[in-house]
Every structure is written in structure tokens, then in C-alpha cells.
Amino acid sequence: MKYLLTFCSNDQDPREELLPARERYQSKFMQQVIEEGERTNTPVLILSGKFGILTPDTEIPHYDHLLLEEEVDDKVAEVIVQLEKLGVDDIEAYIKKGREVEGWNPYYEVLERAARAIDAKLEYAELPEASEPRSEITRLH
């Protein structure tokens, strides 16, 4: 099954109670990805450095965790299980920042390694209305 995917955001609603990811994360870019999924009738996933794969409706607490290089192997194993459970075989990833931006490479590593492990097609794409074009679109698989 095909899914759109984006990464989590450190811009979060600070309330302590559990909130759906679409409300917890305050990123305009993430909201645009969720809207694109609704527009195209394609489910959306969010890769969280703390929780792995989330849906926009997954309730999560406020947290502060940046995925570190030394956590990548364990997070890959977790994400593989989560993607397999969802039957993911095609991922269209919308990522605001490139892997060269400090702190972002571990997220790319988890996504790419997990997609390879389950033999899922992975494509980086741009939102139709994105104001900041990505310098690269990479096709894997």
C-alpha cells in the first residue's frame, strides 16, 4: 500500500495531555503533507525519532527527542516492524530539510534502511505548493 511520509517536528503544542500527532506537531509543512494526503486520498505517516512510525491520529505526549546516530540501528528495526504491519510497499516522502542539515541524517538513514529492508519503493517528492524547492529528488528502488 502507498503512503505519504514526513518527519516529526520539534515545534510542538506544549500541553501535557495526549494529543493526536496532527495537533501535537505545529509544523505548517507537516500540515501541508497531511492535507496532500487528504487531497489525494493517500494515508500519511510521520517518522518520529522517539516513537517510530505514527499516523496523524496517533495520540502522543509532548516530548523532546532528536534521533541520534547511535540510535539508528534500533530505530530501523522498530520501523521495519511498523511498516510491515501496515503493509507499506510504496513511500512518497515529503521532507522539508536535506540530510546535510545538522540532526537530520539519522532520520533519512532510518527511512532508507527500513524501506530497503521491506523492499518498499521510496521516492522523495515536493509538495505542489511548496515555496522552498528541494535541490534533489532521489528515487530508491
C-alpha atoms as a PDB file:
ATOM      1  CA  MET A   1       0.000   0.000   0.000  1.00  0.00           C
ATOM      2  CA  LYS A   2       1.198   3.516  -0.786  1.00  0.00           C
ATOM      3  CA  TYR A   3       1.737   6.097   1.959  1.00  0.00           C
ATOM      4  CA  LEU A   4       2.927   9.677   2.114  1.00  0.00           C
ATOM      5  CA  LEU A   5       5.513  10.243   4.837  1.00  0.00           C
ATOM      6  CA  THR A   6       7.143  13.165   6.594  1.00  0.00           C
ATOM      7  CA  PHE A   7       9.411  13.567   9.605  1.00  0.00           C
ATOM      8  CA  CYS A   8       8.338  14.736  13.059  1.00  0.00           C
ATOM      9  CA  SER A   9       8.803  18.298  14.260  1.00  0.00           C
ATOM     10  CA  ASN A  10      10.251  19.855  17.385  1.00  0.00           C
ATOM     11  CA  ASP A  11       7.654  22.628  17.047  1.00  0.00           C
ATOM     12  CA  GLN A  12       5.010  21.094  19.327  1.00  0.00           C
ATOM     13  CA  ASP A  13       1.920  22.016  21.289  1.00  0.00           C
ATOM     14  CA  PRO A  14       3.261  22.080  24.878  1.00  0.00           C
ATOM     15  CA  ARG A  15       0.099  20.768  26.574  1.00  0.00           C
ATOM     16  CA  GLU A  16       0.816  17.767  28.771  1.00  0.00           C
ATOM     17  CA  GLU A  17      -2.153  15.619  27.759  1.00  0.00           C
ATOM     18  CA  LEU A  18      -2.008  13.182  24.872  1.00  0.00           C
ATOM     19  CA  LEU A  19      -2.823  14.806  21.531  1.00  0.00           C
ATOM     20  CA  PRO A  20      -3.151  13.388  18.014  1.00  0.00           C
ATOM     21  CA  ALA A  21       0.129  13.880  16.139  1.00  0.00           C
ATOM     22  CA  ARG A  22      -1.635  16.271  13.718  1.00  0.00           C
ATOM     23  CA  GLU A  23      -2.334  18.553  16.700  1.00  0.00           C
ATOM     24  CA  ARG A  24       0.855  17.892  18.701  1.00  0.00           C
ATOM     25  CA  TYR A  25       3.165  18.868  15.865  1.00  0.00           C
ATOM     26  CA  GLN A  26       2.745  22.537  14.975  1.00  0.00           C
ATOM     27  CA  SER A  27       4.711  22.426  11.717  1.00  0.00           C
ATOM     28  CA  LYS A  28       2.993  24.130   8.788  1.00  0.00           C
ATOM     29  CA  PHE A  29       4.920  21.856   6.426  1.00  0.00           C
ATOM     30  CA  MET A  30       3.578  18.743   8.179  1.00  0.00           C
ATOM     31  CA  GLN A  31       0.048  20.104   7.974  1.00  0.00           C
ATOM     32  CA  GLN A  32       0.558  20.596   4.230  1.00  0.00           C
ATOM     33  CA  VAL A  33       1.680  16.963   3.874  1.00  0.00           C
ATOM     34  CA  ILE A  34      -1.402  15.795   5.793  1.00  0.00           C
ATOM     35  CA  GLU A  35      -3.599  17.964   3.546  1.00  0.00           C
ATOM     36  CA  GLU A  36      -1.891  16.491   0.463  1.00  0.00           C
ATOM     37  CA  GLY A  37      -2.708  13.011   1.756  1.00  0.00           C
ATOM     38  CA  GLU A  38      -6.330  14.005   2.249  1.00  0.00           C
ATOM     39  CA  ARG A  39      -6.451  15.648  -1.204  1.00  0.00           C
ATOM     40  CA  THR A  40      -5.031  12.546  -2.923  1.00  0.00           C
ATOM     41  CA  ASN A  41      -6.764  10.049  -0.617  1.00  0.00           C
ATOM     42  CA  THR A  42      -3.367   8.644   0.383  1.00  0.00           C
ATOM     43  CA  PRO A  43      -2.701   7.783   4.040  1.00  0.00           C
ATOM     44  CA  VAL A  44       0.050   9.748   5.787  1.00  0.00           C
ATOM     45  CA  LEU A  45       2.763   8.513   8.128  1.00  0.00           C
ATOM     46  CA  ILE A  46       5.095  10.509  10.352  1.00  0.00           C
ATOM     47  CA  LEU A  47       8.560   9.244  11.273  1.00  0.00           C
ATOM     48  CA  SER A  48       9.246  10.187  14.890  1.00  0.00           C
ATOM     49  CA  GLY A  49      12.688   9.859  16.420  1.00  0.00           C
ATOM     50  CA  LYS A  50      11.047   8.726  19.655  1.00  0.00           C
ATOM     51  CA  PHE A  51       8.042   6.653  18.535  1.00  0.00           C
ATOM     52  CA  GLY A  52       8.973   5.418  15.068  1.00  0.00           C
ATOM     53  CA  ILE A  53       6.016   5.425  12.680  1.00  0.00           C
ATOM     54  CA  LEU A  54       2.914   7.408  13.627  1.00  0.00           C
ATOM     55  CA  THR A  55      -0.299   8.278  11.849  1.00  0.00           C
ATOM     56  CA  PRO A  56      -1.665  11.822  12.112  1.00  0.00           C
ATOM     57  CA  ASP A  57      -4.274  10.474  14.548  1.00  0.00           C
ATOM     58  CA  THR A  58      -1.849   8.636  16.852  1.00  0.00           C
ATOM     59  CA  GLU A  59      -2.055  10.242  20.280  1.00  0.00           C
ATOM     60  CA  ILE A  60       1.329  11.195  21.694  1.00  0.00           C
ATOM     61  CA  PRO A  61       2.622  13.192  24.663  1.00  0.00           C
ATOM     62  CA  HIS A  62       4.765  16.299  24.416  1.00  0.00           C
ATOM     63  CA  TYR A  63       8.389  15.199  24.155  1.00  0.00           C
ATOM     64  CA  ASP A  64      11.814  16.458  23.190  1.00  0.00           C
ATOM     65  CA  HIS A  65      13.958  13.862  21.453  1.00  0.00           C
ATOM     66  CA  LEU A  66      16.246  14.229  18.467  1.00  0.00           C
ATOM     67  CA  LEU A  67      17.152  10.898  16.873  1.00  0.00           C
ATOM     68  CA  LEU A  68      20.877  10.303  17.273  1.00  0.00           C
ATOM     69  CA  GLU A  69      23.237   8.356  15.002  1.00  0.00           C
ATOM     70  CA  GLU A  70      23.807   5.744  17.726  1.00  0.00           C
ATOM     71  CA  GLU A  71      20.047   5.052  17.883  1.00  0.00           C
ATOM     72  CA  VAL A  72      19.637   4.405  14.158  1.00  0.00           C
ATOM     73  CA  ASP A  73      20.093   0.610  14.196  1.00  0.00           C
ATOM     74  CA  ASP A  74      17.467   0.069  16.904  1.00  0.00           C
ATOM     75  CA  LYS A  75      15.066   2.551  15.283  1.00  0.00           C
ATOM     76  CA  VAL A  76      15.449   0.841  11.884  1.00  0.00           C
ATOM     77  CA  ALA A  77      14.418  -2.488  13.441  1.00  0.00           C
ATOM     78  CA  GLU A  78      11.396  -0.837  15.095  1.00  0.00           C
ATOM     79  CA  VAL A  79      10.320   0.956  11.918  1.00  0.00           C
ATOM     80  CA  ILE A  80      10.643  -2.195   9.797  1.00  0.00           C
ATOM     81  CA  VAL A  81       8.114  -3.956  12.059  1.00  0.00           C
ATOM     82  CA  GLN A  82       5.778  -0.940  11.974  1.00  0.00           C
ATOM     83  CA  LEU A  83       5.914  -0.582   8.176  1.00  0.00           C
ATOM     84  CA  GLU A  84       5.374  -4.313   7.632  1.00  0.00           C
ATOM     85  CA  LYS A  85       2.368  -4.276   9.964  1.00  0.00           C
ATOM     86  CA  LEU A  86       0.825  -1.511   7.829  1.00  0.00           C
ATOM     87  CA  GLY A  87       1.572  -3.312   4.559  1.00  0.00           C
ATOM     88  CA  VAL A  88       3.693  -0.439   3.250  1.00  0.00           C
ATOM     89  CA  ASP A  89       5.245  -1.097  -0.149  1.00  0.00           C
ATOM     90  CA  ASP A  90       5.412   2.430  -1.586  1.00  0.00           C
ATOM     91  CA  ILE A  91       6.534   5.578   0.254  1.00  0.00           C
ATOM     92  CA  GLU A  92       6.349   9.094  -1.118  1.00  0.00           C
ATOM     93  CA  ALA A  93       8.413  11.146   1.336  1.00  0.00           C
ATOM     94  CA  TYR A  94       7.993  14.881   1.787  1.00  0.00           C
ATOM     95  CA  ILE A  95      10.925  16.222   3.765  1.00  0.00           C
ATOM     96  CA  LYS A  96      11.463  19.919   4.405  1.00  0.00           C
ATOM     97  CA  LYS A  97      15.197  19.817   5.147  1.00  0.00           C
ATOM     98  CA  GLY A  98      18.016  17.961   3.447  1.00  0.00           C
ATOM     99  CA  ARG A  99      20.113  15.293   5.097  1.00  0.00           C
ATOM    100  CA  GLU A 100      23.037  17.716   5.216  1.00  0.00           C
ATOM    101  CA  VAL A 101      21.194  19.807   7.827  1.00  0.00           C
ATOM    102  CA  GLU A 102      22.569  19.004  11.275  1.00  0.00           C
ATOM    103  CA  GLY A 103      20.500  16.366  13.072  1.00  0.00           C
ATOM    104  CA  TRP A 104      18.525  15.204  10.031  1.00  0.00           C
ATOM    105  CA  ASN A 105      20.744  12.437   8.640  1.00  0.00           C
ATOM    106  CA  PRO A 106      19.635   9.799  11.210  1.00  0.00           C
ATOM    107  CA  TYR A 107      16.011  10.235  10.080  1.00  0.00           C
ATOM    108  CA  TYR A 108      16.983   9.730   6.441  1.00  0.00           C
ATOM    109  CA  GLU A 109      19.061   6.689   7.410  1.00  0.00           C
ATOM    110  CA  VAL A 110      16.173   5.074   9.289  1.00  0.00           C
ATOM    111  CA  LEU A 111      13.722   5.702   6.465  1.00  0.00           C
ATOM    112  CA  GLU A 112      16.018   4.496   3.693  1.00  0.00           C
ATOM    113  CA  ARG A 113      17.303   1.420   5.509  1.00  0.00           C
ATOM    114  CA  ALA A 114      13.822   0.354   6.639  1.00  0.00           C
ATOM    115  CA  ALA A 115      12.389   0.841   3.129  1.00  0.00           C
ATOM    116  CA  ARG A 116      15.200  -1.275   1.634  1.00  0.00           C
ATOM    117  CA  ALA A 117      14.670  -3.981   4.250  1.00  0.00           C
ATOM    118  CA  ILE A 118      10.983  -4.392   3.347  1.00  0.00           C
ATOM    119  CA  ASP A 119      11.658  -3.853  -0.377  1.00  0.00           C
ATOM    120  CA  ALA A 120       9.394  -0.800  -0.479  1.00  0.00           C
ATOM    121  CA  LYS A 121       9.650   1.795  -3.218  1.00  0.00           C
ATOM    122  CA  LEU A 122      10.875   5.074  -1.729  1.00  0.00           C
ATOM    123  CA  GLU A 123      10.649   8.373  -3.545  1.00  0.00           C
ATOM    124  CA  TYR A 124      11.365  11.886  -2.241  1.00  0.00           C
ATOM    125  CA  ALA A 125       8.897  14.392  -3.619  1.00  0.00           C
ATOM    126  CA  GLU A 126       7.905  18.039  -3.312  1.00  0.00           C
ATOM    127  CA  LEU A 127       4.568  19.409  -2.261  1.00  0.00           C
ATOM    128  CA  PRO A 128       2.801  21.064  -5.198  1.00  0.00           C
ATOM    129  CA  GLU A 129       2.575  24.364  -3.301  1.00  0.00           C
ATOM    130  CA  ALA A 130       5.977  24.142  -1.583  1.00  0.00           C
ATOM    131  CA  SER A 131       7.703  27.505  -1.604  1.00  0.00           C
ATOM    132  CA  GLU A 132      11.184  26.084  -0.970  1.00  0.00           C
ATOM    133  CA  PRO A 133      12.076  23.659  -3.762  1.00  0.00           C
ATOM    134  CA  ARG A 134      14.300  20.759  -2.771  1.00  0.00           C
ATOM    135  CA  SER A 135      17.582  20.622  -4.589  1.00  0.00           C
ATOM    136  CA  GLU A 136      17.357  16.878  -5.088  1.00  0.00           C
ATOM    137  CA  ILE A 137      14.694  14.301  -5.653  1.00  0.00           C
ATOM    138  CA  THR A 138      16.059  10.829  -5.071  1.00  0.00           C
ATOM    139  CA  ARG A 139      14.434   7.656  -6.268  1.00  0.00           C
ATOM    140  CA  LEU A 140      15.316   4.480  -4.391  1.00  0.00           C
ATOM    141  CA  HIS A 141      14.284   1.020  -5.548  1.00  0.00           C
END
